[in-house]
């Protein structure tokens, strides 16, 4: 899943507007942010296997340190601790923790049974990726609804910011569509290198917070707090 994780971050931003969107995106995507690093280090392994599922040619052979339930919970607690050390309100730490865990929950829905409960343990996955139409319907619906709700409340920006927000959301959609219709990656290393580039999206999301007016006061149209 890709857009679904960003949808979770956008909805979290709506729930706690004072939280940094960049930090929320980082939390929602944390397993996928550390995964390419672990690939480059040789700690985890992915193979290019067209047909492994209908939706993606990637076969996730070994990724217990980034995507097992046990380690994802550990990453979640680390995210909450990081928020605490930075003197963030408890609500933000709890939200970051929940977002990291949400990554595993959403992945369980889409992946075939390849997500370990713990390193070396049994694997699970409901296999939504076996259906391209089903995957598109679920992810696009989640993302478009989350984007609409966020734009109505916490991401209603100034004119320049409006372009930045639109470009960000459009880029996510283009990346997603490119993954669906594009050719398989040339190699696992290419997957890892491109994956590291996701940190650019985290930085971009954080920058968007600086381009918005603030939380919309929906009781008074056009007003921002």
N, C-alpha and C. Protein backbone atom coordinates (compact mmCIF):
# COMPACT_ATOMS: atom_id res chain seq x y z
N UNK A 1 0.85 -1.19 0.00
CA UNK A 1 0.00 0.00 0.00
C UNK A 1 0.89 1.24 0.00
N UNK A 2 0.43 2.27 -0.72
CA UNK A 2 1.17 3.53 -0.79
C UNK A 2 0.26 4.70 -0.43
N UNK A 3 -0.74 4.94 -1.24
CA UNK A 3 -1.63 6.08 -0.97
C UNK A 3 -2.36 5.93 0.35
N UNK A 4 -2.67 4.70 0.74
CA UNK A 4 -3.38 4.49 1.99
C UNK A 4 -2.61 5.00 3.20
N UNK A 5 -1.28 4.88 3.16
CA UNK A 5 -0.47 5.38 4.28
C UNK A 5 -0.50 6.91 4.33
N UNK A 6 -0.48 7.54 3.17
CA UNK A 6 -0.59 9.00 3.15
C UNK A 6 -1.99 9.45 3.58
N UNK A 7 -2.99 8.66 3.24
CA UNK A 7 -4.34 8.97 3.71
C UNK A 7 -4.39 8.96 5.23
N UNK A 8 -3.73 7.98 5.84
CA UNK A 8 -3.70 7.92 7.30
C UNK A 8 -3.03 9.15 7.88
N UNK A 9 -1.95 9.60 7.27
CA UNK A 9 -1.25 10.79 7.75
C UNK A 9 -2.12 12.04 7.62
N UNK A 10 -2.83 12.16 6.50
CA UNK A 10 -3.70 13.32 6.30
C UNK A 10 -4.84 13.33 7.31
N UNK A 11 -5.41 12.19 7.59
CA UNK A 11 -6.49 12.12 8.57
C UNK A 11 -5.96 12.41 9.98
N UNK A 12 -4.73 11.98 10.26
CA UNK A 12 -4.12 12.29 11.55
C UNK A 12 -3.90 13.80 11.69
N UNK A 13 -3.50 14.43 10.61
CA UNK A 13 -3.32 15.88 10.62
C UNK A 13 -4.64 16.59 10.93
N UNK A 14 -5.71 16.06 10.38
CA UNK A 14 -7.03 16.64 10.66
C UNK A 14 -7.41 16.45 12.12
N UNK A 15 -7.02 15.30 12.69
CA UNK A 15 -7.36 15.02 14.09
C UNK A 15 -6.56 15.88 15.05
N UNK A 16 -5.27 16.10 14.74
CA UNK A 16 -4.40 16.90 15.61
C UNK A 16 -3.70 17.93 14.72
N UNK A 17 -4.35 19.06 14.42
CA UNK A 17 -3.81 20.01 13.46
C UNK A 17 -2.44 20.58 13.82
N UNK A 18 -2.09 20.63 15.11
CA UNK A 18 -0.81 21.23 15.50
C UNK A 18 0.37 20.32 15.17
N UNK A 19 0.11 19.06 14.87
CA UNK A 19 1.19 18.14 14.54
C UNK A 19 1.75 18.47 13.16
N UNK A 20 3.05 18.28 13.00
CA UNK A 20 3.69 18.50 11.72
C UNK A 20 3.25 17.44 10.72
N UNK A 21 2.81 17.86 9.55
CA UNK A 21 2.43 16.89 8.52
C UNK A 21 3.62 16.05 8.11
N UNK A 22 4.81 16.65 8.08
CA UNK A 22 6.00 15.88 7.75
C UNK A 22 6.26 14.77 8.74
N UNK A 23 6.10 15.07 10.03
CA UNK A 23 6.30 14.05 11.06
C UNK A 23 5.24 12.96 10.97
N UNK A 24 4.02 13.36 10.64
CA UNK A 24 2.94 12.37 10.52
C UNK A 24 3.16 11.46 9.32
N UNK A 25 3.61 12.03 8.20
CA UNK A 25 3.92 11.21 7.03
C UNK A 25 5.07 10.25 7.35
N UNK A 26 6.09 10.76 8.06
CA UNK A 26 7.21 9.91 8.43
C UNK A 26 6.75 8.74 9.30
N UNK A 27 5.85 9.01 10.23
CA UNK A 27 5.35 7.94 11.09
C UNK A 27 4.53 6.93 10.29
N UNK A 28 3.64 7.43 9.44
CA UNK A 28 2.78 6.53 8.67
C UNK A 28 3.58 5.68 7.69
N UNK A 29 4.73 6.19 7.24
CA UNK A 29 5.54 5.50 6.25
C UNK A 29 6.82 4.91 6.85
N UNK A 30 6.98 4.95 8.17
CA UNK A 30 8.26 4.59 8.77
C UNK A 30 8.78 3.22 8.35
N UNK A 31 7.99 2.15 8.37
CA UNK A 31 8.53 0.87 7.91
C UNK A 31 9.06 0.92 6.48
N UNK A 32 8.37 1.67 5.61
CA UNK A 32 8.83 1.78 4.23
C UNK A 32 10.00 2.74 4.08
N UNK A 33 10.22 3.59 5.05
CA UNK A 33 11.38 4.49 5.01
C UNK A 33 12.66 3.79 5.44
N UNK A 34 12.56 2.87 6.41
CA UNK A 34 13.76 2.15 6.84
C UNK A 34 14.02 0.93 5.96
N UNK A 35 12.97 0.40 5.32
CA UNK A 35 13.11 -0.81 4.51
C UNK A 35 14.16 -0.69 3.40
N UNK A 36 14.16 0.39 2.57
CA UNK A 36 15.18 0.46 1.52
C UNK A 36 16.60 0.56 2.07
N UNK A 37 16.76 1.17 3.23
CA UNK A 37 18.08 1.22 3.86
C UNK A 37 18.54 -0.19 4.22
N UNK A 38 17.61 -0.97 4.78
CA UNK A 38 17.94 -2.35 5.14
C UNK A 38 18.22 -3.20 3.90
N UNK A 39 17.55 -2.88 2.77
CA UNK A 39 17.85 -3.57 1.53
C UNK A 39 19.28 -3.29 1.09
N UNK A 40 19.67 -2.03 1.13
CA UNK A 40 21.02 -1.65 0.72
C UNK A 40 22.08 -2.27 1.62
N UNK A 41 21.75 -2.43 2.90
CA UNK A 41 22.68 -3.03 3.84
C UNK A 41 22.71 -4.56 3.73
N UNK A 42 21.77 -5.12 2.99
CA UNK A 42 21.71 -6.57 2.85
C UNK A 42 21.02 -7.28 3.99
N UNK A 43 20.34 -6.53 4.85
CA UNK A 43 19.65 -7.13 5.99
C UNK A 43 18.30 -7.72 5.59
N UNK A 44 17.73 -7.18 4.52
CA UNK A 44 16.44 -7.66 4.05
C UNK A 44 16.54 -7.88 2.54
N UNK A 45 15.51 -8.53 1.97
CA UNK A 45 15.62 -8.92 0.57
C UNK A 45 14.27 -8.83 -0.13
N UNK A 46 14.31 -8.31 -1.35
CA UNK A 46 13.14 -8.26 -2.22
C UNK A 46 13.57 -8.79 -3.58
N UNK A 47 12.64 -9.40 -4.28
CA UNK A 47 12.92 -9.90 -5.63
C UNK A 47 11.91 -9.32 -6.61
N UNK A 48 12.35 -9.14 -7.85
CA UNK A 48 11.46 -8.67 -8.91
C UNK A 48 10.86 -9.91 -9.57
N UNK A 49 9.60 -10.15 -9.30
CA UNK A 49 8.92 -11.35 -9.77
C UNK A 49 7.56 -10.97 -10.33
N UNK A 50 7.50 -10.52 -11.61
CA UNK A 50 6.20 -10.17 -12.19
C UNK A 50 5.21 -11.32 -12.06
N UNK A 51 4.01 -11.00 -11.58
CA UNK A 51 3.00 -12.01 -11.36
C UNK A 51 2.95 -12.55 -9.95
N UNK A 52 3.89 -12.12 -9.10
CA UNK A 52 3.83 -12.56 -7.71
C UNK A 52 2.48 -12.21 -7.11
N UNK A 53 2.02 -10.97 -7.39
CA UNK A 53 0.62 -10.60 -7.21
C UNK A 53 0.23 -9.80 -8.44
N UNK A 54 -1.06 -9.65 -8.68
CA UNK A 54 -1.51 -8.92 -9.86
C UNK A 54 -1.11 -7.46 -9.83
N UNK A 55 -0.96 -6.91 -8.62
CA UNK A 55 -0.77 -5.47 -8.49
C UNK A 55 0.70 -5.05 -8.54
N UNK A 56 1.61 -5.84 -8.01
CA UNK A 56 3.00 -5.44 -7.94
C UNK A 56 3.92 -6.59 -8.32
N UNK A 57 5.03 -6.30 -8.99
CA UNK A 57 6.00 -7.34 -9.33
C UNK A 57 6.98 -7.63 -8.20
N UNK A 58 6.84 -6.94 -7.09
CA UNK A 58 7.78 -7.12 -5.99
C UNK A 58 7.38 -8.31 -5.13
N UNK A 59 8.33 -9.19 -4.89
CA UNK A 59 8.13 -10.30 -3.96
C UNK A 59 8.95 -10.01 -2.71
N UNK A 60 8.27 -9.81 -1.61
CA UNK A 60 8.94 -9.43 -0.36
C UNK A 60 9.39 -10.71 0.34
N UNK A 61 10.62 -11.07 0.06
CA UNK A 61 11.14 -12.37 0.48
C UNK A 61 11.51 -12.39 1.96
N UNK A 62 12.15 -11.29 2.42
CA UNK A 62 12.67 -11.28 3.79
C UNK A 62 12.73 -9.83 4.27
N UNK A 63 11.84 -9.48 5.19
CA UNK A 63 11.89 -8.11 5.73
C UNK A 63 11.34 -8.06 7.15
N UNK A 64 11.93 -8.88 8.03
CA UNK A 64 11.43 -8.94 9.40
C UNK A 64 11.78 -7.72 10.25
N UNK A 65 12.86 -7.03 9.91
CA UNK A 65 13.30 -5.92 10.77
C UNK A 65 12.53 -4.63 10.49
N UNK A 66 11.99 -4.50 9.31
CA UNK A 66 11.19 -3.31 8.99
C UNK A 66 9.69 -3.57 9.04
N UNK A 67 9.25 -4.83 8.80
CA UNK A 67 7.83 -5.06 8.60
C UNK A 67 7.21 -6.18 9.43
N UNK A 68 7.94 -6.80 10.32
CA UNK A 68 7.25 -7.75 11.20
C UNK A 68 6.44 -6.98 12.23
N UNK A 69 5.35 -7.56 12.70
CA UNK A 69 4.51 -6.87 13.67
C UNK A 69 5.28 -6.49 14.91
N UNK A 70 6.11 -7.40 15.42
CA UNK A 70 6.87 -7.11 16.63
C UNK A 70 7.78 -5.91 16.45
N UNK A 71 8.51 -5.88 15.35
CA UNK A 71 9.43 -4.76 15.12
C UNK A 71 8.69 -3.49 14.78
N UNK A 72 7.56 -3.58 14.11
CA UNK A 72 6.78 -2.37 13.83
C UNK A 72 6.28 -1.75 15.12
N UNK A 73 5.88 -2.57 16.07
CA UNK A 73 5.49 -2.05 17.39
C UNK A 73 6.68 -1.37 18.05
N UNK A 74 7.86 -1.97 17.91
CA UNK A 74 9.07 -1.35 18.47
C UNK A 74 9.36 -0.01 17.79
N UNK A 75 9.22 0.05 16.45
CA UNK A 75 9.39 1.32 15.74
C UNK A 75 8.35 2.34 16.22
N UNK A 76 7.13 1.88 16.48
CA UNK A 76 6.07 2.77 16.93
C UNK A 76 6.40 3.38 18.29
N UNK A 77 6.90 2.54 19.20
CA UNK A 77 7.28 3.05 20.52
C UNK A 77 8.45 4.01 20.41
N UNK A 78 9.36 3.74 19.48
CA UNK A 78 10.49 4.65 19.27
C UNK A 78 10.00 6.00 18.75
N UNK A 79 9.00 5.97 17.86
CA UNK A 79 8.45 7.22 17.34
C UNK A 79 7.79 8.03 18.46
N UNK A 80 7.06 7.35 19.34
CA UNK A 80 6.42 8.03 20.46
C UNK A 80 7.47 8.61 21.39
N UNK A 81 8.54 7.86 21.62
CA UNK A 81 9.61 8.34 22.49
C UNK A 81 10.30 9.56 21.87
N UNK A 82 10.52 9.52 20.55
CA UNK A 82 11.14 10.66 19.88
C UNK A 82 10.29 11.91 20.03
N UNK A 83 8.97 11.76 19.91
CA UNK A 83 8.08 12.90 20.09
C UNK A 83 8.16 13.43 21.51
N UNK A 84 8.27 12.51 22.47
CA UNK A 84 8.37 12.91 23.88
C UNK A 84 9.67 13.66 24.14
N UNK A 85 10.77 13.16 23.58
CA UNK A 85 12.07 13.80 23.78
C UNK A 85 12.12 15.18 23.15
N UNK A 86 11.30 15.39 22.15
CA UNK A 86 11.24 16.71 21.51
C UNK A 86 10.18 17.60 22.15
N UNK A 87 9.68 17.16 23.33
CA UNK A 87 8.72 17.93 24.12
C UNK A 87 7.41 18.18 23.39
N UNK A 88 7.02 17.24 22.55
CA UNK A 88 5.73 17.35 21.89
C UNK A 88 4.62 16.93 22.85
N UNK A 89 3.39 17.44 22.66
CA UNK A 89 2.28 17.04 23.52
C UNK A 89 2.07 15.52 23.46
N UNK A 90 1.59 14.94 24.56
CA UNK A 90 1.36 13.49 24.57
C UNK A 90 0.49 13.00 23.43
N UNK A 91 -0.49 13.81 23.02
CA UNK A 91 -1.37 13.40 21.93
C UNK A 91 -0.60 13.15 20.64
N UNK A 92 0.44 13.94 20.39
CA UNK A 92 1.22 13.77 19.17
C UNK A 92 2.04 12.49 19.24
N UNK A 93 2.61 12.20 20.40
CA UNK A 93 3.34 10.96 20.56
C UNK A 93 2.45 9.74 20.36
N UNK A 94 1.26 9.80 20.94
CA UNK A 94 0.32 8.68 20.78
C UNK A 94 -0.11 8.54 19.33
N UNK A 95 -0.30 9.67 18.65
CA UNK A 95 -0.70 9.64 17.25
C UNK A 95 0.39 9.05 16.38
N UNK A 96 1.64 9.45 16.64
CA UNK A 96 2.77 8.90 15.88
C UNK A 96 2.86 7.39 16.07
N UNK A 97 2.69 6.95 17.30
CA UNK A 97 2.71 5.52 17.60
C UNK A 97 1.62 4.78 16.83
N UNK A 98 0.43 5.33 16.83
CA UNK A 98 -0.70 4.69 16.14
C UNK A 98 -0.47 4.66 14.63
N UNK A 99 0.12 5.72 14.08
CA UNK A 99 0.36 5.76 12.65
C UNK A 99 1.36 4.70 12.22
N UNK A 100 2.41 4.50 12.99
CA UNK A 100 3.39 3.48 12.64
C UNK A 100 2.72 2.10 12.62
N UNK A 101 1.94 1.81 13.64
CA UNK A 101 1.24 0.52 13.68
C UNK A 101 0.23 0.41 12.54
N UNK A 102 -0.39 1.54 12.18
CA UNK A 102 -1.37 1.51 11.08
C UNK A 102 -0.72 1.07 9.78
N UNK A 103 0.56 1.33 9.63
CA UNK A 103 1.26 0.90 8.41
C UNK A 103 1.18 -0.62 8.27
N UNK A 104 1.44 -1.32 9.36
CA UNK A 104 1.40 -2.79 9.31
C UNK A 104 -0.02 -3.28 9.07
N UNK A 105 -0.98 -2.65 9.71
CA UNK A 105 -2.38 -3.06 9.56
C UNK A 105 -2.82 -2.91 8.11
N UNK A 106 -2.50 -1.77 7.48
CA UNK A 106 -2.88 -1.56 6.09
C UNK A 106 -2.13 -2.50 5.16
N UNK A 107 -0.88 -2.78 5.47
CA UNK A 107 -0.12 -3.72 4.64
C UNK A 107 -0.69 -5.13 4.73
N UNK A 108 -1.17 -5.52 5.89
CA UNK A 108 -1.78 -6.84 6.04
C UNK A 108 -2.97 -6.99 5.09
N UNK A 109 -3.71 -5.90 4.91
CA UNK A 109 -4.87 -5.95 4.02
C UNK A 109 -4.43 -6.20 2.57
N UNK A 110 -3.33 -5.57 2.15
CA UNK A 110 -2.96 -5.61 0.73
C UNK A 110 -2.01 -6.76 0.38
N UNK A 111 -1.06 -7.06 1.25
CA UNK A 111 -0.04 -8.06 0.92
C UNK A 111 -0.62 -9.46 0.88
N UNK A 112 -0.03 -10.32 0.06
CA UNK A 112 -0.26 -11.75 0.22
C UNK A 112 0.40 -12.17 1.53
N UNK A 113 0.21 -13.40 2.00
CA UNK A 113 0.83 -13.78 3.28
C UNK A 113 2.36 -13.77 3.21
N UNK A 114 2.94 -12.63 3.56
CA UNK A 114 4.40 -12.50 3.59
C UNK A 114 4.87 -11.60 4.74
N UNK A 115 3.91 -11.06 5.50
CA UNK A 115 4.27 -10.19 6.62
C UNK A 115 4.44 -11.02 7.89
N UNK A 116 5.67 -11.09 8.44
CA UNK A 116 5.87 -11.92 9.64
C UNK A 116 5.32 -11.25 10.89
N UNK A 117 4.84 -12.07 11.79
CA UNK A 117 4.41 -11.55 13.09
C UNK A 117 5.61 -11.16 13.94
N UNK A 118 6.70 -11.88 13.78
CA UNK A 118 7.97 -11.57 14.43
C UNK A 118 9.07 -12.23 13.60
N UNK A 119 10.32 -11.80 13.74
CA UNK A 119 11.39 -12.39 12.92
C UNK A 119 11.42 -13.92 13.04
N UNK A 120 11.28 -14.57 11.90
CA UNK A 120 11.27 -16.03 11.88
C UNK A 120 9.92 -16.64 12.19
N UNK A 121 8.91 -15.82 12.45
CA UNK A 121 7.60 -16.32 12.84
C UNK A 121 6.68 -16.52 11.66
N UNK A 122 5.43 -16.90 11.93
CA UNK A 122 4.44 -17.11 10.86
C UNK A 122 4.15 -15.81 10.12
N UNK A 123 3.71 -15.96 8.86
CA UNK A 123 3.44 -14.79 8.03
C UNK A 123 1.94 -14.69 7.76
N UNK A 124 1.48 -13.46 7.56
CA UNK A 124 0.06 -13.20 7.33
C UNK A 124 -0.10 -12.20 6.20
N UNK A 125 -1.30 -12.09 5.68
CA UNK A 125 -1.63 -11.14 4.63
C UNK A 125 -2.93 -11.54 3.97
N UNK A 126 -3.84 -10.58 3.75
CA UNK A 126 -5.16 -10.88 3.20
C UNK A 126 -5.18 -10.87 1.67
N UNK A 127 -4.15 -10.28 1.04
CA UNK A 127 -3.99 -10.43 -0.40
C UNK A 127 -4.85 -9.55 -1.28
N UNK A 128 -5.16 -8.32 -0.86
CA UNK A 128 -5.92 -7.43 -1.74
C UNK A 128 -5.17 -7.19 -3.05
N UNK A 129 -3.84 -7.25 -3.02
CA UNK A 129 -3.04 -7.03 -4.23
C UNK A 129 -3.31 -8.07 -5.31
N UNK A 130 -4.00 -9.14 -4.98
CA UNK A 130 -4.34 -10.12 -6.02
C UNK A 130 -5.39 -9.56 -6.99
N UNK A 131 -6.03 -8.46 -6.61
CA UNK A 131 -7.03 -7.82 -7.47
C UNK A 131 -6.60 -6.37 -7.74
N UNK A 132 -6.29 -6.07 -8.99
CA UNK A 132 -5.93 -4.69 -9.33
C UNK A 132 -7.13 -3.75 -9.14
N UNK A 133 -8.32 -4.07 -9.67
CA UNK A 133 -9.46 -3.17 -9.45
C UNK A 133 -9.78 -2.97 -7.97
N UNK A 134 -9.73 -4.05 -7.19
CA UNK A 134 -10.02 -3.92 -5.78
C UNK A 134 -9.02 -3.03 -5.07
N UNK A 135 -7.74 -3.18 -5.41
CA UNK A 135 -6.70 -2.35 -4.79
C UNK A 135 -6.88 -0.89 -5.14
N UNK A 136 -7.13 -0.61 -6.43
CA UNK A 136 -7.33 0.77 -6.86
C UNK A 136 -8.53 1.39 -6.17
N UNK A 137 -9.61 0.65 -6.09
CA UNK A 137 -10.83 1.17 -5.46
C UNK A 137 -10.57 1.55 -4.01
N UNK A 138 -9.93 0.65 -3.26
CA UNK A 138 -9.71 0.89 -1.83
C UNK A 138 -8.74 2.04 -1.61
N UNK A 139 -7.59 2.01 -2.27
CA UNK A 139 -6.57 3.03 -2.01
C UNK A 139 -6.99 4.40 -2.50
N UNK A 140 -7.52 4.47 -3.70
CA UNK A 140 -7.92 5.78 -4.23
C UNK A 140 -9.06 6.37 -3.41
N UNK A 141 -9.99 5.55 -2.98
CA UNK A 141 -11.08 6.05 -2.15
C UNK A 141 -10.55 6.59 -0.83
N UNK A 142 -9.64 5.85 -0.19
CA UNK A 142 -9.05 6.32 1.07
C UNK A 142 -8.33 7.64 0.88
N UNK A 143 -7.50 7.71 -0.16
CA UNK A 143 -6.67 8.89 -0.37
C UNK A 143 -7.51 10.11 -0.73
N UNK A 144 -8.43 9.96 -1.66
CA UNK A 144 -9.22 11.10 -2.10
C UNK A 144 -10.11 11.63 -0.97
N UNK A 145 -10.68 10.75 -0.17
CA UNK A 145 -11.49 11.18 0.96
C UNK A 145 -10.64 11.90 2.00
N UNK A 146 -9.46 11.35 2.31
CA UNK A 146 -8.58 12.00 3.29
C UNK A 146 -8.10 13.35 2.80
N UNK A 147 -7.75 13.44 1.53
CA UNK A 147 -7.30 14.71 0.97
C UNK A 147 -8.42 15.75 1.01
N UNK A 148 -9.63 15.34 0.65
CA UNK A 148 -10.77 16.27 0.67
C UNK A 148 -11.05 16.78 2.07
N UNK A 149 -11.06 15.89 3.04
CA UNK A 149 -11.32 16.30 4.42
C UNK A 149 -10.23 17.23 4.94
N UNK A 150 -8.98 16.93 4.61
CA UNK A 150 -7.87 17.76 5.10
C UNK A 150 -7.88 19.12 4.44
N UNK A 151 -8.17 19.17 3.14
CA UNK A 151 -8.20 20.46 2.45
C UNK A 151 -9.32 21.34 2.97
N UNK A 152 -10.38 20.74 3.48
CA UNK A 152 -11.49 21.52 4.04
C UNK A 152 -11.16 22.10 5.41
N UNK A 153 -10.16 21.55 6.07
CA UNK A 153 -9.90 21.97 7.44
C UNK A 153 -8.49 22.50 7.63
N UNK A 154 -7.49 21.62 7.62
CA UNK A 154 -6.16 22.04 8.07
C UNK A 154 -5.18 22.33 6.95
N UNK A 155 -5.52 22.04 5.70
CA UNK A 155 -4.58 22.31 4.62
C UNK A 155 -5.11 23.32 3.62
N UNK A 156 -6.05 24.17 4.07
CA UNK A 156 -6.53 25.22 3.18
C UNK A 156 -5.48 26.33 3.14
N UNK A 157 -4.73 26.40 2.06
CA UNK A 157 -3.55 27.27 2.06
C UNK A 157 -3.77 28.62 1.39
N UNK A 158 -2.72 29.46 1.49
CA UNK A 158 -2.68 30.68 0.72
C UNK A 158 -2.46 30.33 -0.75
N UNK A 159 -2.44 31.35 -1.62
CA UNK A 159 -2.37 31.08 -3.05
C UNK A 159 -1.14 30.26 -3.43
N UNK A 160 0.05 30.68 -2.98
CA UNK A 160 1.26 29.94 -3.29
C UNK A 160 1.19 28.55 -2.67
N UNK A 161 0.72 28.49 -1.44
CA UNK A 161 0.60 27.21 -0.76
C UNK A 161 -0.39 26.29 -1.45
N UNK A 162 -1.44 26.87 -2.06
CA UNK A 162 -2.42 26.06 -2.76
C UNK A 162 -1.77 25.27 -3.89
N UNK A 163 -0.86 25.93 -4.60
CA UNK A 163 -0.14 25.25 -5.67
C UNK A 163 0.76 24.16 -5.11
N UNK A 164 1.39 24.44 -3.97
CA UNK A 164 2.29 23.46 -3.37
C UNK A 164 1.52 22.23 -2.90
N UNK A 165 0.38 22.45 -2.27
CA UNK A 165 -0.44 21.33 -1.81
C UNK A 165 -0.93 20.52 -2.99
N UNK A 166 -1.41 21.21 -4.02
CA UNK A 166 -1.89 20.52 -5.21
C UNK A 166 -0.79 19.71 -5.88
N UNK A 167 0.42 20.30 -5.94
CA UNK A 167 1.54 19.59 -6.54
C UNK A 167 1.92 18.36 -5.72
N UNK A 168 1.87 18.49 -4.41
CA UNK A 168 2.21 17.36 -3.54
C UNK A 168 1.23 16.21 -3.72
N UNK A 169 -0.06 16.51 -3.64
CA UNK A 169 -1.08 15.47 -3.78
C UNK A 169 -1.05 14.86 -5.18
N UNK A 170 -0.82 15.71 -6.19
CA UNK A 170 -0.75 15.20 -7.56
C UNK A 170 0.47 14.31 -7.76
N UNK A 171 1.57 14.67 -7.13
CA UNK A 171 2.79 13.85 -7.23
C UNK A 171 2.56 12.47 -6.64
N UNK A 172 1.89 12.42 -5.49
CA UNK A 172 1.58 11.12 -4.89
C UNK A 172 0.74 10.27 -5.84
N UNK A 173 -0.25 10.89 -6.47
CA UNK A 173 -1.10 10.16 -7.41
C UNK A 173 -0.29 9.68 -8.61
N UNK A 174 0.59 10.53 -9.13
CA UNK A 174 1.40 10.15 -10.29
C UNK A 174 2.35 9.01 -9.96
N UNK A 175 2.95 9.06 -8.77
CA UNK A 175 3.83 7.97 -8.35
C UNK A 175 3.03 6.67 -8.28
N UNK A 176 1.86 6.75 -7.73
CA UNK A 176 1.01 5.57 -7.59
C UNK A 176 0.63 5.00 -8.95
N UNK A 177 0.19 5.87 -9.86
CA UNK A 177 -0.20 5.42 -11.20
C UNK A 177 1.00 4.86 -11.94
N UNK A 178 2.16 5.51 -11.77
CA UNK A 178 3.37 5.01 -12.41
C UNK A 178 3.73 3.61 -11.94
N UNK A 179 3.53 3.35 -10.67
CA UNK A 179 3.80 2.01 -10.14
C UNK A 179 2.83 0.97 -10.71
N UNK A 180 1.61 1.43 -11.03
CA UNK A 180 0.59 0.50 -11.55
C UNK A 180 0.84 0.17 -13.02
N UNK A 181 1.10 1.19 -13.83
CA UNK A 181 1.17 0.99 -15.28
C UNK A 181 2.60 0.90 -15.81
N UNK A 182 3.58 1.28 -14.99
CA UNK A 182 4.95 1.28 -15.46
C UNK A 182 5.56 -0.12 -15.50
N UNK A 183 6.75 -0.23 -16.12
CA UNK A 183 7.43 -1.53 -16.17
C UNK A 183 7.98 -1.91 -14.81
N UNK A 184 8.30 -3.19 -14.60
CA UNK A 184 8.90 -3.61 -13.34
C UNK A 184 10.24 -2.91 -13.12
N UNK A 185 10.64 -2.68 -11.89
CA UNK A 185 11.95 -2.10 -11.62
C UNK A 185 13.06 -2.98 -12.20
N UNK A 186 14.19 -2.39 -12.59
CA UNK A 186 15.26 -3.18 -13.20
C UNK A 186 16.00 -4.10 -12.24
N UNK A 187 15.99 -3.74 -10.96
CA UNK A 187 16.74 -4.54 -9.99
C UNK A 187 16.30 -4.21 -8.58
N UNK A 188 16.56 -5.10 -7.63
CA UNK A 188 16.27 -4.78 -6.23
C UNK A 188 17.02 -3.54 -5.74
N UNK A 189 18.23 -3.35 -6.23
CA UNK A 189 18.98 -2.16 -5.81
C UNK A 189 18.29 -0.88 -6.26
N UNK A 190 17.72 -0.92 -7.47
CA UNK A 190 16.98 0.25 -7.96
C UNK A 190 15.77 0.51 -7.08
N UNK A 191 15.10 -0.54 -6.64
CA UNK A 191 13.96 -0.39 -5.72
C UNK A 191 14.41 0.31 -4.44
N UNK A 192 15.56 -0.12 -3.92
CA UNK A 192 16.06 0.46 -2.68
C UNK A 192 16.44 1.92 -2.84
N UNK A 193 17.11 2.24 -3.94
CA UNK A 193 17.55 3.63 -4.17
C UNK A 193 16.35 4.55 -4.31
N UNK A 194 15.37 4.13 -5.10
CA UNK A 194 14.15 4.93 -5.26
C UNK A 194 13.42 5.04 -3.92
N UNK A 195 13.41 3.94 -3.16
CA UNK A 195 12.74 3.95 -1.86
C UNK A 195 13.33 4.97 -0.91
N UNK A 196 14.64 5.12 -0.92
CA UNK A 196 15.28 6.12 -0.06
C UNK A 196 14.78 7.52 -0.41
N UNK A 197 14.44 7.72 -1.69
CA UNK A 197 13.94 9.02 -2.11
C UNK A 197 12.62 9.42 -1.49
N UNK A 198 11.95 8.48 -0.81
CA UNK A 198 10.70 8.83 -0.14
C UNK A 198 10.90 9.88 0.95
N UNK A 199 12.12 10.02 1.43
CA UNK A 199 12.38 11.04 2.44
C UNK A 199 12.15 12.45 1.87
N UNK A 200 12.26 12.59 0.55
CA UNK A 200 11.95 13.89 -0.07
C UNK A 200 10.48 14.23 0.14
N UNK A 201 9.61 13.23 0.04
CA UNK A 201 8.19 13.46 0.26
C UNK A 201 7.91 13.84 1.71
N UNK A 202 8.66 13.25 2.63
CA UNK A 202 8.51 13.62 4.05
C UNK A 202 8.88 15.09 4.25
N UNK A 203 10.01 15.50 3.67
CA UNK A 203 10.44 16.90 3.80
C UNK A 203 9.44 17.84 3.15
N UNK A 204 8.92 17.44 2.00
CA UNK A 204 7.94 18.26 1.29
C UNK A 204 6.68 18.43 2.13
N UNK A 205 6.22 17.34 2.73
CA UNK A 205 5.03 17.41 3.58
C UNK A 205 5.25 18.36 4.76
N UNK A 206 6.46 18.31 5.35
CA UNK A 206 6.76 19.22 6.44
C UNK A 206 6.76 20.67 5.99
N UNK A 207 7.26 20.91 4.79
CA UNK A 207 7.31 22.28 4.26
C UNK A 207 5.91 22.83 4.02
N UNK A 208 4.99 21.95 3.66
CA UNK A 208 3.62 22.42 3.38
C UNK A 208 3.00 23.11 4.59
N UNK A 209 3.39 22.66 5.79
CA UNK A 209 2.85 23.30 6.99
C UNK A 209 3.18 24.78 7.04
N UNK A 210 4.30 25.17 6.42
CA UNK A 210 4.72 26.57 6.44
C UNK A 210 3.98 27.40 5.40
N UNK A 211 3.26 26.74 4.50
CA UNK A 211 2.60 27.45 3.41
C UNK A 211 1.09 27.55 3.61
N UNK A 212 0.58 27.13 4.75
CA UNK A 212 -0.85 27.21 4.97
C UNK A 212 -1.14 28.33 5.96
N UNK A 213 -2.38 28.82 5.96
CA UNK A 213 -2.77 29.88 6.89
C UNK A 213 -2.96 29.33 8.28
N UNK A 214 -3.58 28.19 8.40
CA UNK A 214 -3.86 27.62 9.71
C UNK A 214 -5.10 26.76 9.66
N UNK A 215 -5.60 26.45 10.82
CA UNK A 215 -6.79 25.62 10.90
C UNK A 215 -8.01 26.45 10.52
N UNK A 216 -8.84 25.89 9.68
CA UNK A 216 -10.03 26.61 9.24
C UNK A 216 -11.08 26.61 10.34
N UNK A 217 -11.63 27.79 10.61
CA UNK A 217 -12.74 27.89 11.53
C UNK A 217 -14.02 27.71 10.70
N UNK A 218 -14.56 26.48 10.70
CA UNK A 218 -15.68 26.18 9.83
C UNK A 218 -16.97 26.86 10.28
N UNK A 219 -16.98 27.42 11.49
CA UNK A 219 -18.17 28.15 11.92
C UNK A 219 -18.30 29.50 11.24
N UNK A 220 -17.17 29.95 10.65
CA UNK A 220 -17.17 31.22 9.95
C UNK A 220 -16.46 31.04 8.63
N UNK A 221 -17.14 30.87 7.52
CA UNK A 221 -16.53 30.57 6.23
C UNK A 221 -15.44 31.57 5.88
N UNK A 222 -14.29 31.02 5.44
CA UNK A 222 -13.20 31.88 5.03
C UNK A 222 -12.27 32.29 6.13
N UNK A 223 -12.65 32.06 7.39
CA UNK A 223 -11.80 32.45 8.50
C UNK A 223 -10.84 31.34 8.87
N UNK A 224 -9.64 31.73 9.32
CA UNK A 224 -8.65 30.77 9.76
C UNK A 224 -8.18 31.16 11.14
N UNK A 225 -7.87 30.14 11.97
CA UNK A 225 -7.39 30.45 13.30
C UNK A 225 -5.88 30.49 13.30
